[in-house]
Amino acid sequence: PDGGGGGGGKGARGRAPPLASVPVVVPERLPRAKVLLEADGACEALDLEGDVGVVGRVVVAGPEGRRQVQLDMKGTLFAARVVPAACSALVLNIGPSEAKVEGVFNDYMRLREVA
């Protein structure tokens, strides 16, 4: 086995050297208008492939102190609940010369289709 001492093989831990690398760039201010969503099962309303423009809306309803957040996507209504994440999630836009941080999330919205 290669001990990582040279040659073109794998390194000491059995990993191949990277083919390329790009710097990770964090903007001065991260946008706060993004939400990470989780939905159970397959739902056509959440398939956004090929869609452009407005595909849904956020609805805040209910009496003061008991407001509920709902997400209407393509006419399908989801109840939304904010849930803390077990870890932080980082969203990167990886380009040819840099990987730009587009969002960091410590919580997410769990969606449940309203019957």
PDB file of N, CA and C in Angstrom:
ATOM      1  N   PRO A   1       0.824  -1.190   0.000  1.00  0.00           N
ATOM      2  CA  PRO A   1       0.000   0.000   0.000  1.00  0.00           C
ATOM      3  C   PRO A   1       0.860   1.242   0.000  1.00  0.00           C
ATOM      4  N   ASP A   2       0.350   2.271  -0.632  1.00  0.00           N
ATOM      5  CA  ASP A   2       1.049   3.540  -0.706  1.00  0.00           C
ATOM      6  C   ASP A   2       0.971   4.240   0.632  1.00  0.00           C
ATOM      7  N   GLY A   3       2.093   4.610   1.177  1.00  0.00           N
ATOM      8  CA  GLY A   3       2.144   5.307   2.448  1.00  0.00           C
ATOM      9  C   GLY A   3       2.029   6.803   2.308  1.00  0.00           C
ATOM     10  N   GLY A   4       1.697   7.296   1.133  1.00  0.00           N
ATOM     11  CA  GLY A   4       1.555   8.720   0.916  1.00  0.00           C
ATOM     12  C   GLY A   4       2.879   9.408   0.682  1.00  0.00           C
ATOM     13  N   GLY A   5       3.932   8.647   0.457  1.00  0.00           N
ATOM     14  CA  GLY A   5       5.259   9.231   0.337  1.00  0.00           C
ATOM     15  C   GLY A   5       5.613   9.703  -1.052  1.00  0.00           C
ATOM     16  N   GLY A   6       4.693   9.711  -1.969  1.00  0.00           N
ATOM     17  CA  GLY A   6       5.037  10.196  -3.296  1.00  0.00           C
ATOM     18  C   GLY A   6       4.363   9.379  -4.361  1.00  0.00           C
ATOM     19  N   GLY A   7       4.748   9.643  -5.563  1.00  0.00           N
ATOM     20  CA  GLY A   7       4.132   8.962  -6.676  1.00  0.00           C
ATOM     21  C   GLY A   7       2.770   9.560  -6.990  1.00  0.00           C
ATOM     22  N   GLY A   8       2.129   9.049  -7.993  1.00  0.00           N
ATOM     23  CA  GLY A   8       0.857   9.607  -8.438  1.00  0.00           C
ATOM     24  C   GLY A   8      -0.342   8.899  -7.870  1.00  0.00           C
ATOM     25  N   GLY A   9      -0.126   8.016  -6.887  1.00  0.00           N
ATOM     26  CA  GLY A   9      -1.230   7.228  -6.346  1.00  0.00           C
ATOM     27  C   GLY A   9      -2.037   7.968  -5.310  1.00  0.00           C
ATOM     28  N   LYS A  10      -2.760   7.189  -4.560  1.00  0.00           N
ATOM     29  CA  LYS A  10      -3.609   7.746  -3.521  1.00  0.00           C
ATOM     30  C   LYS A  10      -2.782   8.172  -2.323  1.00  0.00           C
ATOM     31  N   GLY A  11      -3.347   9.097  -1.530  1.00  0.00           N
ATOM     32  CA  GLY A  11      -2.662   9.611  -0.350  1.00  0.00           C
ATOM     33  C   GLY A  11      -2.710   8.622   0.791  1.00  0.00           C
ATOM     34  N   ALA A  12      -2.270   9.080   1.967  1.00  0.00           N
ATOM     35  CA  ALA A  12      -2.155   8.231   3.141  1.00  0.00           C
ATOM     36  C   ALA A  12      -3.497   7.670   3.585  1.00  0.00           C
ATOM     37  N   ARG A  13      -4.566   8.351   3.348  1.00  0.00           N
ATOM     38  CA  ARG A  13      -5.883   7.876   3.770  1.00  0.00           C
ATOM     39  C   ARG A  13      -6.647   7.201   2.632  1.00  0.00           C
ATOM     40  N   GLY A  14      -6.010   6.949   1.529  1.00  0.00           N
ATOM     41  CA  GLY A  14      -6.641   6.245   0.430  1.00  0.00           C
ATOM     42  C   GLY A  14      -7.500   7.129  -0.466  1.00  0.00           C
ATOM     43  N   ARG A  15      -7.363   8.439  -0.341  1.00  0.00           N
ATOM     44  CA  ARG A  15      -8.134   9.354  -1.177  1.00  0.00           C
ATOM     45  C   ARG A  15      -7.264   9.866  -2.311  1.00  0.00           C
ATOM     46  N   ALA A  16      -7.903  10.007  -3.465  1.00  0.00           N
ATOM     47  CA  ALA A  16      -7.188  10.569  -4.609  1.00  0.00           C
ATOM     48  C   ALA A  16      -7.040  12.073  -4.416  1.00  0.00           C
ATOM     49  N   PRO A  17      -5.987  12.670  -4.945  1.00  0.00           N
ATOM     50  CA  PRO A  17      -5.836  14.121  -4.843  1.00  0.00           C
ATOM     51  C   PRO A  17      -6.956  14.818  -5.614  1.00  0.00           C
ATOM     52  N   PRO A  18      -7.345  16.038  -5.210  1.00  0.00           N
ATOM     53  CA  PRO A  18      -8.427  16.738  -5.910  1.00  0.00           C
ATOM     54  C   PRO A  18      -8.040  17.056  -7.346  1.00  0.00           C
ATOM     55  N   LEU A  19      -9.030  17.023  -8.238  1.00  0.00           N
ATOM     56  CA  LEU A  19      -8.779  17.364  -9.628  1.00  0.00           C
ATOM     57  C   LEU A  19      -8.712  18.871  -9.818  1.00  0.00           C
ATOM     58  N   ALA A  20      -9.460  19.605  -8.998  1.00  0.00           N
ATOM     59  CA  ALA A  20      -9.462  21.063  -9.072  1.00  0.00           C
ATOM     60  C   ALA A  20      -9.936  21.603  -7.736  1.00  0.00           C
ATOM     61  N   SER A  21      -9.685  22.868  -7.501  1.00  0.00           N
ATOM     62  CA  SER A  21     -10.199  23.506  -6.304  1.00  0.00           C
ATOM     63  C   SER A  21     -10.566  24.939  -6.642  1.00  0.00           C
ATOM     64  N   VAL A  22     -11.560  25.464  -5.934  1.00  0.00           N
ATOM     65  CA  VAL A  22     -11.980  26.851  -6.104  1.00  0.00           C
ATOM     66  C   VAL A  22     -12.148  27.453  -4.714  1.00  0.00           C
ATOM     67  N   PRO A  23     -11.912  28.752  -4.581  1.00  0.00           N
ATOM     68  CA  PRO A  23     -12.103  29.377  -3.268  1.00  0.00           C
ATOM     69  C   PRO A  23     -13.590  29.484  -2.920  1.00  0.00           C
ATOM     70  N   VAL A  24     -13.904  29.398  -1.621  1.00  0.00           N
ATOM     71  CA  VAL A  24     -15.261  29.605  -1.126  1.00  0.00           C
ATOM     72  C   VAL A  24     -15.348  31.058  -0.677  1.00  0.00           C
ATOM     73  N   VAL A  25     -16.309  31.793  -1.248  1.00  0.00           N
ATOM     74  CA  VAL A  25     -16.435  33.218  -0.986  1.00  0.00           C
ATOM     75  C   VAL A  25     -17.713  33.485  -0.196  1.00  0.00           C
ATOM     76  N   VAL A  26     -17.570  34.169   0.931  1.00  0.00           N
ATOM     77  CA  VAL A  26     -18.723  34.569   1.740  1.00  0.00           C
ATOM     78  C   VAL A  26     -18.955  36.059   1.504  1.00  0.00           C
ATOM     79  N   PRO A  27     -20.178  36.433   1.057  1.00  0.00           N
ATOM     80  CA  PRO A  27     -20.446  37.853   0.838  1.00  0.00           C
ATOM     81  C   PRO A  27     -20.451  38.616   2.164  1.00  0.00           C
ATOM     82  N   GLU A  28     -20.276  39.934   2.079  1.00  0.00           N
ATOM     83  CA  GLU A  28     -20.256  40.752   3.289  1.00  0.00           C
ATOM     84  C   GLU A  28     -21.548  40.595   4.076  1.00  0.00           C
ATOM     85  N   ARG A  29     -22.668  40.510   3.370  1.00  0.00           N
ATOM     86  CA  ARG A  29     -23.971  40.294   4.006  1.00  0.00           C
ATOM     87  C   ARG A  29     -24.656  39.112   3.333  1.00  0.00           C
ATOM     88  N   LEU A  30     -25.026  38.135   4.130  1.00  0.00           N
ATOM     89  CA  LEU A  30     -25.760  36.998   3.593  1.00  0.00           C
ATOM     90  C   LEU A  30     -27.236  37.369   3.476  1.00  0.00           C
ATOM     91  N   PRO A  31     -27.878  36.998   2.381  1.00  0.00           N
ATOM     92  CA  PRO A  31     -29.300  37.307   2.234  1.00  0.00           C
ATOM     93  C   PRO A  31     -30.133  36.555   3.273  1.00  0.00           C
ATOM     94  N   ARG A  32     -31.095  37.238   3.880  1.00  0.00           N
ATOM     95  CA  ARG A  32     -31.944  36.634   4.910  1.00  0.00           C
ATOM     96  C   ARG A  32     -33.318  36.267   4.362  1.00  0.00           C
ATOM     97  N   ALA A  33     -33.551  36.462   3.079  1.00  0.00           N
ATOM     98  CA  ALA A  33     -34.862  36.227   2.494  1.00  0.00           C
ATOM     99  C   ALA A  33     -34.952  34.846   1.833  1.00  0.00           C
ATOM    100  N   LYS A  34     -34.231  33.891   2.354  1.00  0.00           N
ATOM    101  CA  LYS A  34     -34.273  32.535   1.802  1.00  0.00           C
ATOM    102  C   LYS A  34     -34.702  31.575   2.892  1.00  0.00           C
ATOM    103  N   VAL A  35     -35.412  30.520   2.471  1.00  0.00           N
ATOM    104  CA  VAL A  35     -35.930  29.536   3.409  1.00  0.00           C
ATOM    105  C   VAL A  35     -35.580  28.152   2.889  1.00  0.00           C
ATOM    106  N   LEU A  36     -35.162  27.285   3.774  1.00  0.00           N
ATOM    107  CA  LEU A  36     -34.902  25.895   3.444  1.00  0.00           C
ATOM    108  C   LEU A  36     -36.155  25.104   3.795  1.00  0.00           C
ATOM    109  N   LEU A  37     -36.675  24.317   2.846  1.00  0.00           N
ATOM    110  CA  LEU A  37     -37.919  23.582   3.032  1.00  0.00           C
ATOM    111  C   LEU A  37     -37.673  22.081   3.066  1.00  0.00           C
ATOM    112  N   GLU A  38     -38.506  21.379   3.840  1.00  0.00           N
ATOM    113  CA  GLU A  38     -38.499  19.921   3.870  1.00  0.00           C
ATOM    114  C   GLU A  38     -39.935  19.455   3.665  1.00  0.00           C
ATOM    115  N   ALA A  39     -40.126  18.525   2.746  1.00  0.00           N
ATOM    116  CA  ALA A  39     -41.456  17.980   2.496  1.00  0.00           C
ATOM    117  C   ALA A  39     -41.362  16.470   2.384  1.00  0.00           C
ATOM    118  N   ASP A  40     -42.264  15.769   3.045  1.00  0.00           N
ATOM    119  CA  ASP A  40     -42.302  14.307   2.968  1.00  0.00           C
ATOM    120  C   ASP A  40     -42.982  13.872   1.678  1.00  0.00           C
ATOM    121  N   GLY A  41     -42.450  12.826   1.082  1.00  0.00           N
ATOM    122  CA  GLY A  41     -43.077  12.231  -0.093  1.00  0.00           C
ATOM    123  C   GLY A  41     -42.925  13.080  -1.343  1.00  0.00           C
ATOM    124  N   ALA A  42     -43.387  12.530  -2.440  1.00  0.00           N
ATOM    125  CA  ALA A  42     -43.331  13.222  -3.719  1.00  0.00           C
ATOM    126  C   ALA A  42     -44.625  13.999  -3.932  1.00  0.00           C
ATOM    127  N   CYS A  43     -44.489  15.219  -4.375  1.00  0.00           N
ATOM    128  CA  CYS A  43     -45.658  16.063  -4.600  1.00  0.00           C
ATOM    129  C   CYS A  43     -45.399  16.876  -5.856  1.00  0.00           C
ATOM    130  N   GLU A  44     -46.328  16.833  -6.809  1.00  0.00           N
ATOM    131  CA  GLU A  44     -46.153  17.568  -8.058  1.00  0.00           C
ATOM    132  C   GLU A  44     -46.062  19.073  -7.829  1.00  0.00           C
ATOM    133  N   ALA A  45     -46.715  19.574  -6.780  1.00  0.00           N
ATOM    134  CA  ALA A  45     -46.685  21.008  -6.503  1.00  0.00           C
ATOM    135  C   ALA A  45     -45.282  21.493  -6.152  1.00  0.00           C
ATOM    136  N   LEU A  46     -44.427  20.606  -5.669  1.00  0.00           N
ATOM    137  CA  LEU A  46     -43.073  20.994  -5.296  1.00  0.00           C
ATOM    138  C   LEU A  46     -42.050  20.697  -6.391  1.00  0.00           C
ATOM    139  N   ASP A  47     -42.505  20.150  -7.514  1.00  0.00           N
ATOM    140  CA  ASP A  47     -41.620  19.917  -8.648  1.00  0.00           C
ATOM    141  C   ASP A  47     -41.573  21.206  -9.460  1.00  0.00           C
ATOM    142  N   LEU A  48     -40.492  21.953  -9.338  1.00  0.00           N
ATOM    143  CA  LEU A  48     -40.382  23.260  -9.976  1.00  0.00           C
ATOM    144  C   LEU A  48     -39.558  23.237 -11.261  1.00  0.00           C
ATOM    145  N   GLU A  49     -39.233  22.052 -11.742  1.00  0.00           N
ATOM    146  CA  GLU A  49     -38.427  21.948 -12.960  1.00  0.00           C
ATOM    147  C   GLU A  49     -39.157  22.602 -14.125  1.00  0.00           C
ATOM    148  N   GLY A  50     -38.503  23.557 -14.763  1.00  0.00           N
ATOM    149  CA  GLY A  50     -39.055  24.245 -15.920  1.00  0.00           C
ATOM    150  C   GLY A  50     -39.993  25.388 -15.574  1.00  0.00           C
ATOM    151  N   ASP A  51     -40.301  25.576 -14.307  1.00  0.00           N
ATOM    152  CA  ASP A  51     -41.207  26.656 -13.901  1.00  0.00           C
ATOM    153  C   ASP A  51     -40.438  27.973 -13.790  1.00  0.00           C
ATOM    154  N   VAL A  52     -41.108  29.059 -14.154  1.00  0.00           N
ATOM    155  CA  VAL A  52     -40.554  30.405 -13.995  1.00  0.00           C
ATOM    156  C   VAL A  52     -41.655  31.312 -13.469  1.00  0.00           C
ATOM    157  N   GLY A  53     -41.264  32.405 -12.841  1.00  0.00           N
ATOM    158  CA  GLY A  53     -42.249  33.347 -12.333  1.00  0.00           C
ATOM    159  C   GLY A  53     -42.826  32.899 -11.002  1.00  0.00           C
ATOM    160  N   VAL A  54     -43.975  33.444 -10.659  1.00  0.00           N
ATOM    161  CA  VAL A  54     -44.622  33.145  -9.384  1.00  0.00           C
ATOM    162  C   VAL A  54     -45.197  31.731  -9.428  1.00  0.00           C
ATOM    163  N   VAL A  55     -44.816  30.899  -8.462  1.00  0.00           N
ATOM    164  CA  VAL A  55     -45.316  29.523  -8.391  1.00  0.00           C
ATOM    165  C   VAL A  55     -46.071  29.263  -7.102  1.00  0.00           C
ATOM    166  N   GLY A  56     -46.104  30.257  -6.210  1.00  0.00           N
ATOM    167  CA  GLY A  56     -46.796  30.053  -4.949  1.00  0.00           C
ATOM    168  C   GLY A  56     -46.802  31.316  -4.124  1.00  0.00           C
ATOM    169  N   ARG A  57     -47.296  31.166  -2.886  1.00  0.00           N
ATOM    170  CA  ARG A  57     -47.329  32.307  -1.974  1.00  0.00           C
ATOM    171  C   ARG A  57     -47.292  31.811  -0.542  1.00  0.00           C
ATOM    172  N   VAL A  58     -46.789  32.667   0.332  1.00  0.00           N
ATOM    173  CA  VAL A  58     -46.773  32.386   1.760  1.00  0.00           C
ATOM    174  C   VAL A  58     -48.004  33.038   2.358  1.00  0.00           C
ATOM    175  N   VAL A  59     -48.746  32.278   3.180  1.00  0.00           N
ATOM    176  CA  VAL A  59     -49.971  32.767   3.803  1.00  0.00           C
ATOM    177  C   VAL A  59     -49.787  32.713   5.318  1.00  0.00           C
ATOM    178  N   VAL A  60     -49.999  33.845   5.990  1.00  0.00           N
ATOM    179  CA  VAL A  60     -49.987  33.888   7.443  1.00  0.00           C
ATOM    180  C   VAL A  60     -51.421  34.153   7.872  1.00  0.00           C
ATOM    181  N   ALA A  61     -52.020  33.193   8.579  1.00  0.00           N
ATOM    182  CA  ALA A  61     -53.436  33.286   8.927  1.00  0.00           C
ATOM    183  C   ALA A  61     -53.647  32.944  10.393  1.00  0.00           C
ATOM    184  N   GLY A  62     -54.805  33.332  10.908  1.00  0.00           N
ATOM    185  CA  GLY A  62     -55.167  32.997  12.273  1.00  0.00           C
ATOM    186  C   GLY A  62     -55.207  34.212  13.164  1.00  0.00           C
ATOM    187  N   PRO A  63     -55.824  34.056  14.335  1.00  0.00           N
ATOM    188  CA  PRO A  63     -55.935  35.176  15.265  1.00  0.00           C
ATOM    189  C   PRO A  63     -54.588  35.524  15.902  1.00  0.00           C
ATOM    190  N   GLU A  64     -54.495  36.736  16.408  1.00  0.00           N
ATOM    191  CA  GLU A  64     -53.281  37.206  17.088  1.00  0.00           C
ATOM    192  C   GLU A  64     -52.855  36.202  18.155  1.00  0.00           C
ATOM    193  N   GLY A  65     -51.582  35.861  18.178  1.00  0.00           N
ATOM    194  CA  GLY A  65     -51.063  34.920  19.157  1.00  0.00           C
ATOM    195  C   GLY A  65     -51.160  33.462  18.735  1.00  0.00           C
ATOM    196  N   ARG A  66     -51.936  33.169  17.705  1.00  0.00           N
ATOM    197  CA  ARG A  66     -52.074  31.771  17.220  1.00  0.00           C
ATOM    198  C   ARG A  66     -51.929  31.710  15.714  1.00  0.00           C
ATOM    199  N   ARG A  67     -51.088  32.557  15.190  1.00  0.00           N
ATOM    200  CA  ARG A  67     -50.923  32.616  13.732  1.00  0.00           C
ATOM    201  C   ARG A  67     -50.252  31.338  13.226  1.00  0.00           C
ATOM    202  N   GLN A  68     -50.668  30.949  12.042  1.00  0.00           N
ATOM    203  CA  GLN A  68     -50.088  29.782  11.387  1.00  0.00           C
ATOM    204  C   GLN A  68     -49.532  30.203  10.042  1.00  0.00           C
ATOM    205  N   VAL A  69     -48.412  29.591   9.673  1.00  0.00           N
ATOM    206  CA  VAL A  69     -47.800  29.852   8.374  1.00  0.00           C
ATOM    207  C   VAL A  69     -48.182  28.719   7.444  1.00  0.00           C
ATOM    208  N   GLN A  70     -48.645  29.099   6.252  1.00  0.00           N
ATOM    209  CA  GLN A  70     -48.975  28.110   5.235  1.00  0.00           C
ATOM    210  C   GLN A  70     -48.281  28.501   3.940  1.00  0.00           C
ATOM    211  N   LEU A  71     -47.985  27.504   3.136  1.00  0.00           N
ATOM    212  CA  LEU A  71     -47.353  27.720   1.845  1.00  0.00           C
ATOM    213  C   LEU A  71     -48.280  27.157   0.780  1.00  0.00           C
ATOM    214  N   ASP A  72     -48.681  28.005  -0.148  1.00  0.00           N
ATOM    215  CA  ASP A  72     -49.534  27.599  -1.268  1.00  0.00           C
ATOM    216  C   ASP A  72     -48.633  27.485  -2.487  1.00  0.00           C
ATOM    217  N   MET A  73     -48.407  26.259  -2.939  1.00  0.00           N
ATOM    218  CA  MET A  73     -47.565  26.016  -4.101  1.00  0.00           C
ATOM    219  C   MET A  73     -48.408  25.395  -5.201  1.00  0.00           C
ATOM    220  N   LYS A  74     -48.583  26.133  -6.291  1.00  0.00           N
ATOM    221  CA  LYS A  74     -49.350  25.659  -7.449  1.00  0.00           C
ATOM    222  C   LYS A  74     -50.737  25.180  -7.043  1.00  0.00           C
ATOM    223  N   GLY A  75     -51.354  25.847  -6.069  1.00  0.00           N
ATOM    224  CA  GLY A  75     -52.698  25.494  -5.638  1.00  0.00           C
ATOM    225  C   GLY A  75     -52.769  24.419  -4.567  1.00  0.00           C
ATOM    226  N   THR A  76     -51.652  23.840  -4.188  1.00  0.00           N
ATOM    227  CA  THR A  76     -51.614  22.850  -3.107  1.00  0.00           C
ATOM    228  C   THR A  76     -51.186  23.574  -1.830  1.00  0.00           C
ATOM    229  N   LEU A  77     -51.978  23.426  -0.770  1.00  0.00           N
ATOM    230  CA  LEU A  77     -51.718  24.131   0.482  1.00  0.00           C
ATOM    231  C   LEU A  77     -50.947  23.240   1.447  1.00  0.00           C
ATOM    232  N   PHE A  78     -49.891  23.809   2.029  1.00  0.00           N
ATOM    233  CA  PHE A  78     -49.062  23.108   3.001  1.00  0.00           C
ATOM    234  C   PHE A  78     -49.053  23.892   4.302  1.00  0.00           C
ATOM    235  N   ALA A  79     -49.171  23.188   5.419  1.00  0.00           N
ATOM    236  CA  ALA A  79     -48.931  23.790   6.725  1.00  0.00           C
ATOM    237  C   ALA A  79     -47.419  23.793   6.911  1.00  0.00           C
ATOM    238  N   ALA A  80     -46.887  24.906   7.397  1.00  0.00           N
ATOM    239  CA  ALA A  80     -45.438  25.043   7.552  1.00  0.00           C
ATOM    240  C   ALA A  80     -45.106  25.281   9.015  1.00  0.00           C
ATOM    241  N   ARG A  81     -44.089  24.566   9.486  1.00  0.00           N
ATOM    242  CA  ARG A  81     -43.647  24.712  10.873  1.00  0.00           C
ATOM    243  C   ARG A  81     -42.132  24.872  10.872  1.00  0.00           C
ATOM    244  N   VAL A  82     -41.640  25.880  11.585  1.00  0.00           N
ATOM    245  CA  VAL A  82     -40.202  26.105  11.671  1.00  0.00           C
ATOM    246  C   VAL A  82     -39.613  25.117  12.673  1.00  0.00           C
ATOM    247  N   VAL A  83     -38.569  24.406  12.244  1.00  0.00           N
ATOM    248  CA  VAL A  83     -37.944  23.366  13.054  1.00  0.00           C
ATOM    249  C   VAL A  83     -36.439  23.642  13.131  1.00  0.00           C
ATOM    250  N   PRO A  84     -35.850  23.569  14.329  1.00  0.00           N
ATOM    251  CA  PRO A  84     -34.396  23.748  14.410  1.00  0.00           C
ATOM    252  C   PRO A  84     -33.680  22.566  13.750  1.00  0.00           C
ATOM    253  N   ALA A  85     -32.618  22.864  13.054  1.00  0.00           N
ATOM    254  CA  ALA A  85     -31.834  21.817  12.389  1.00  0.00           C
ATOM    255  C   ALA A  85     -30.834  21.207  13.364  1.00  0.00           C
ATOM    256  N   ALA A  86     -30.489  19.954  13.131  1.00  0.00           N
ATOM    257  CA  ALA A  86     -29.492  19.275  13.970  1.00  0.00           C
ATOM    258  C   ALA A  86     -28.092  19.839  13.728  1.00  0.00           C
ATOM    259  N   CYS A  87     -27.914  20.490  12.577  1.00  0.00           N
ATOM    260  CA  CYS A  87     -26.635  21.098  12.234  1.00  0.00           C
ATOM    261  C   CYS A  87     -26.912  22.279  11.310  1.00  0.00           C
ATOM    262  N   SER A  88     -25.908  23.007  10.957  1.00  0.00           N
ATOM    263  CA  SER A  88     -26.070  24.104  10.008  1.00  0.00           C
ATOM    264  C   SER A  88     -25.972  23.567   8.591  1.00  0.00           C
ATOM    265  N   ALA A  89     -26.755  24.161   7.696  1.00  0.00           N
ATOM    266  CA  ALA A  89     -26.707  23.795   6.279  1.00  0.00           C
ATOM    267  C   ALA A  89     -26.187  24.991   5.494  1.00  0.00           C
ATOM    268  N   LEU A  90     -25.275  24.737   4.594  1.00  0.00           N
ATOM    269  CA  LEU A  90     -24.657  25.775   3.786  1.00  0.00           C
ATOM    270  C   LEU A  90     -25.042  25.539   2.335  1.00  0.00           C
ATOM    271  N   VAL A  91     -25.543  26.574   1.663  1.00  0.00           N
ATOM    272  CA  VAL A  91     -25.890  26.476   0.247  1.00  0.00           C
ATOM    273  C   VAL A  91     -24.825  27.220  -0.544  1.00  0.00           C
ATOM    274  N   LEU A  92     -24.190  26.516  -1.469  1.00  0.00           N
ATOM    275  CA  LEU A  92     -23.125  27.080  -2.294  1.00  0.00           C
ATOM    276  C   LEU A  92     -23.546  27.126  -3.749  1.00  0.00           C
ATOM    277  N   ASN A  93     -23.198  28.201  -4.433  1.00  0.00           N
ATOM    278  CA  ASN A  93     -23.340  28.295  -5.879  1.00  0.00           C
ATOM    279  C   ASN A  93     -21.933  28.106  -6.434  1.00  0.00           C
ATOM    280  N   ILE A  94     -21.685  26.925  -6.976  1.00  0.00           N
ATOM    281  CA  ILE A  94     -20.330  26.585  -7.416  1.00  0.00           C
ATOM    282  C   ILE A  94     -20.156  26.949  -8.879  1.00  0.00           C
ATOM    283  N   GLY A  95     -19.271  27.895  -9.131  1.00  0.00           N
ATOM    284  CA  GLY A  95     -18.971  28.331 -10.485  1.00  0.00           C
ATOM    285  C   GLY A  95     -17.600  27.849 -10.906  1.00  0.00           C
ATOM    286  N   PRO A  96     -17.169  28.242 -12.104  1.00  0.00           N
ATOM    287  CA  PRO A  96     -15.874  27.755 -12.596  1.00  0.00           C
ATOM    288  C   PRO A  96     -14.676  28.340 -11.838  1.00  0.00           C
ATOM    289  N   SER A  97     -14.841  29.543 -11.240  1.00  0.00           N
ATOM    290  CA  SER A  97     -13.693  30.162 -10.584  1.00  0.00           C
ATOM    291  C   SER A  97     -13.871  30.359  -9.082  1.00  0.00           C
ATOM    292  N   GLU A  98     -15.120  30.196  -8.554  1.00  0.00           N
ATOM    293  CA  GLU A  98     -15.344  30.355  -7.122  1.00  0.00           C
ATOM    294  C   GLU A  98     -16.641  29.658  -6.716  1.00  0.00           C
ATOM    295  N   ALA A  99     -16.745  29.375  -5.429  1.00  0.00           N
ATOM    296  CA  ALA A  99     -17.971  28.832  -4.848  1.00  0.00           C
ATOM    297  C   ALA A  99     -18.505  29.908  -3.909  1.00  0.00           C
ATOM    298  N   LYS A 100     -19.655  30.487  -4.244  1.00  0.00           N
ATOM    299  CA  LYS A 100     -20.199  31.601  -3.473  1.00  0.00           C
ATOM    300  C   LYS A 100     -21.253  31.092  -2.496  1.00  0.00           C
ATOM    301  N   VAL A 101     -21.132  31.479  -1.224  1.00  0.00           N
ATOM    302  CA  VAL A 101     -22.113  31.109  -0.205  1.00  0.00           C
ATOM    303  C   VAL A 101     -23.383  31.900  -0.466  1.00  0.00           C
ATOM    304  N   GLU A 102     -24.498  31.197  -0.659  1.00  0.00           N
ATOM    305  CA  GLU A 102     -25.777  31.858  -0.910  1.00  0.00           C
ATOM    306  C   GLU A 102     -26.690  31.827   0.302  1.00  0.00           C
ATOM    307  N   GLY A 103     -26.412  30.971   1.262  1.00  0.00           N
ATOM    308  CA  GLY A 103     -27.232  30.920   2.455  1.00  0.00           C
ATOM    309  C   GLY A 103     -26.660  29.985   3.488  1.00  0.00           C
ATOM    310  N   VAL A 104     -26.920  30.317   4.744  1.00  0.00           N
ATOM    311  CA  VAL A 104     -26.565  29.457   5.866  1.00  0.00           C
ATOM    312  C   VAL A 104     -27.841  29.299   6.691  1.00  0.00           C
ATOM    313  N   PHE A 105     -28.212  28.058   6.985  1.00  0.00           N
ATOM    314  CA  PHE A 105     -29.469  27.784   7.668  1.00  0.00           C
ATOM    315  C   PHE A 105     -29.228  26.996   8.941  1.00  0.00           C
ATOM    316  N   ASN A 106     -29.831  27.449  10.040  1.00  0.00           N
ATOM    317  CA  ASN A 106     -29.784  26.739  11.308  1.00  0.00           C
ATOM    318  C   ASN A 106     -31.144  26.141  11.646  1.00  0.00           C
ATOM    319  N   ASP A 107     -32.153  26.486  10.845  1.00  0.00           N
ATOM    320  CA  ASP A 107     -33.479  25.906  10.993  1.00  0.00           C
ATOM    321  C   ASP A 107     -34.098  25.807   9.606  1.00  0.00           C
ATOM    322  N   TYR A 108     -35.233  25.155   9.527  1.00  0.00           N
ATOM    323  CA  TYR A 108     -35.882  24.959   8.235  1.00  0.00           C
ATOM    324  C   TYR A 108     -37.387  24.878   8.448  1.00  0.00           C
ATOM    325  N   MET A 109     -38.137  24.927   7.361  1.00  0.00           N
ATOM    326  CA  MET A 109     -39.589  24.816   7.446  1.00  0.00           C
ATOM    327  C   MET A 109     -40.007  23.422   6.992  1.00  0.00           C
ATOM    328  N   ARG A 110     -40.692  22.726   7.864  1.00  0.00           N
ATOM    329  CA  ARG A 110     -41.202  21.389   7.553  1.00  0.00           C
ATOM    330  C   ARG A 110     -42.624  21.563   7.004  1.00  0.00           C
ATOM    331  N   LEU A 111     -42.869  21.020   5.811  1.00  0.00           N
ATOM    332  CA  LEU A 111     -44.163  21.160   5.152  1.00  0.00           C
ATOM    333  C   LEU A 111     -44.989  19.896   5.310  1.00  0.00           C
ATOM    334  N   ARG A 112     -46.295  20.101   5.562  1.00  0.00           N
ATOM    335  CA  ARG A 112     -47.251  18.999   5.619  1.00  0.00           C
ATOM    336  C   ARG A 112     -48.456  19.410   4.774  1.00  0.00           C
ATOM    337  N   GLU A 113     -48.773  18.581   3.777  1.00  0.00           N
ATOM    338  CA  GLU A 113     -49.894  18.919   2.885  1.00  0.00           C
ATOM    339  C   GLU A 113     -51.204  18.937   3.681  1.00  0.00           C
ATOM    340  N   VAL A 114     -51.974  20.011   3.482  1.00  0.00           N
ATOM    341  CA  VAL A 114     -53.258  20.148   4.147  1.00  0.00           C
ATOM    342  C   VAL A 114     -54.294  19.424   3.315  1.00  0.00           C
ATOM    343  N   ALA A 115     -55.030  18.517   3.946  1.00  0.00           N
ATOM    344  CA  ALA A 115     -56.013  17.697   3.215  1.00  0.00           C
ATOM    345  C   ALA A 115     -57.245  18.488   2.830  1.00  0.00           C
TER     346      ALA A 115
END
